[in-house]
Amino acid sequence: MCQLDPDYVTGVPNWTQGIAIGHFSTRSPAFAVEPVGVMDGKLF
């Protein structure tokens, strides 16, 4: 999903894998984004 050796990084990049889940309300303009990490192939 991403290039592991991008041109803009010198040396070895320090990547963190994960996803983000967005929560929003239909009753107000409130929203929140919650990061979810990946460790050993499992979401936590």
Protein backbone atom coordinates (compact mmCIF):
# COMPACT_ATOMS: atom_id res chain seq x y z
CA MET A 1 0.00 0.00 0.00
CA CYS A 2 2.96 2.33 0.39
CA GLN A 3 6.44 2.66 -1.00
CA LEU A 4 8.80 1.38 1.68
CA ASP A 5 11.84 3.29 0.36
CA PRO A 6 10.54 6.74 -0.65
CA ASP A 7 12.85 9.30 -2.25
CA TYR A 8 12.16 11.92 0.43
CA VAL A 9 13.59 9.80 3.31
CA THR A 10 17.33 9.40 3.79
CA GLY A 11 18.38 6.20 5.52
CA VAL A 12 15.91 3.64 6.85
CA PRO A 13 12.36 4.96 7.42
CA ASN A 14 10.69 4.32 10.78
CA TRP A 15 7.20 3.18 9.72
CA THR A 16 4.26 2.54 11.99
CA GLN A 17 1.47 0.43 10.56
CA GLY A 18 -2.16 0.95 11.42
CA ILE A 19 -5.48 2.39 10.33
CA ALA A 20 -7.73 5.19 11.52
CA ILE A 21 -11.46 4.92 12.22
CA GLY A 22 -13.62 8.02 12.01
CA HIS A 23 -16.70 8.48 14.19
CA PHE A 24 -19.24 11.19 13.44
CA SER A 25 -22.59 12.31 14.79
CA THR A 26 -25.69 12.83 12.67
CA ARG A 27 -27.14 15.12 15.37
CA SER A 28 -24.24 17.55 15.72
CA PRO A 29 -21.09 18.59 13.84
CA ALA A 30 -18.95 16.52 16.25
CA PHE A 31 -16.46 13.97 14.95
CA ALA A 32 -13.48 12.01 16.23
CA VAL A 33 -10.68 10.02 14.61
CA GLU A 34 -9.30 7.04 16.50
CA PRO A 35 -5.99 5.43 15.47
CA VAL A 36 -5.86 1.63 15.53
CA GLY A 37 -2.41 0.06 15.50
CA VAL A 38 -1.25 -3.20 13.93
CA MET A 39 1.08 -5.54 15.80
CA ASP A 40 2.02 -9.02 14.57
CA GLY A 41 -0.68 -8.78 11.89
CA LYS A 42 -3.48 -8.05 14.40
CA LEU A 43 -5.39 -4.85 15.06
CA PHE A 44 -5.36 -3.57 18.64
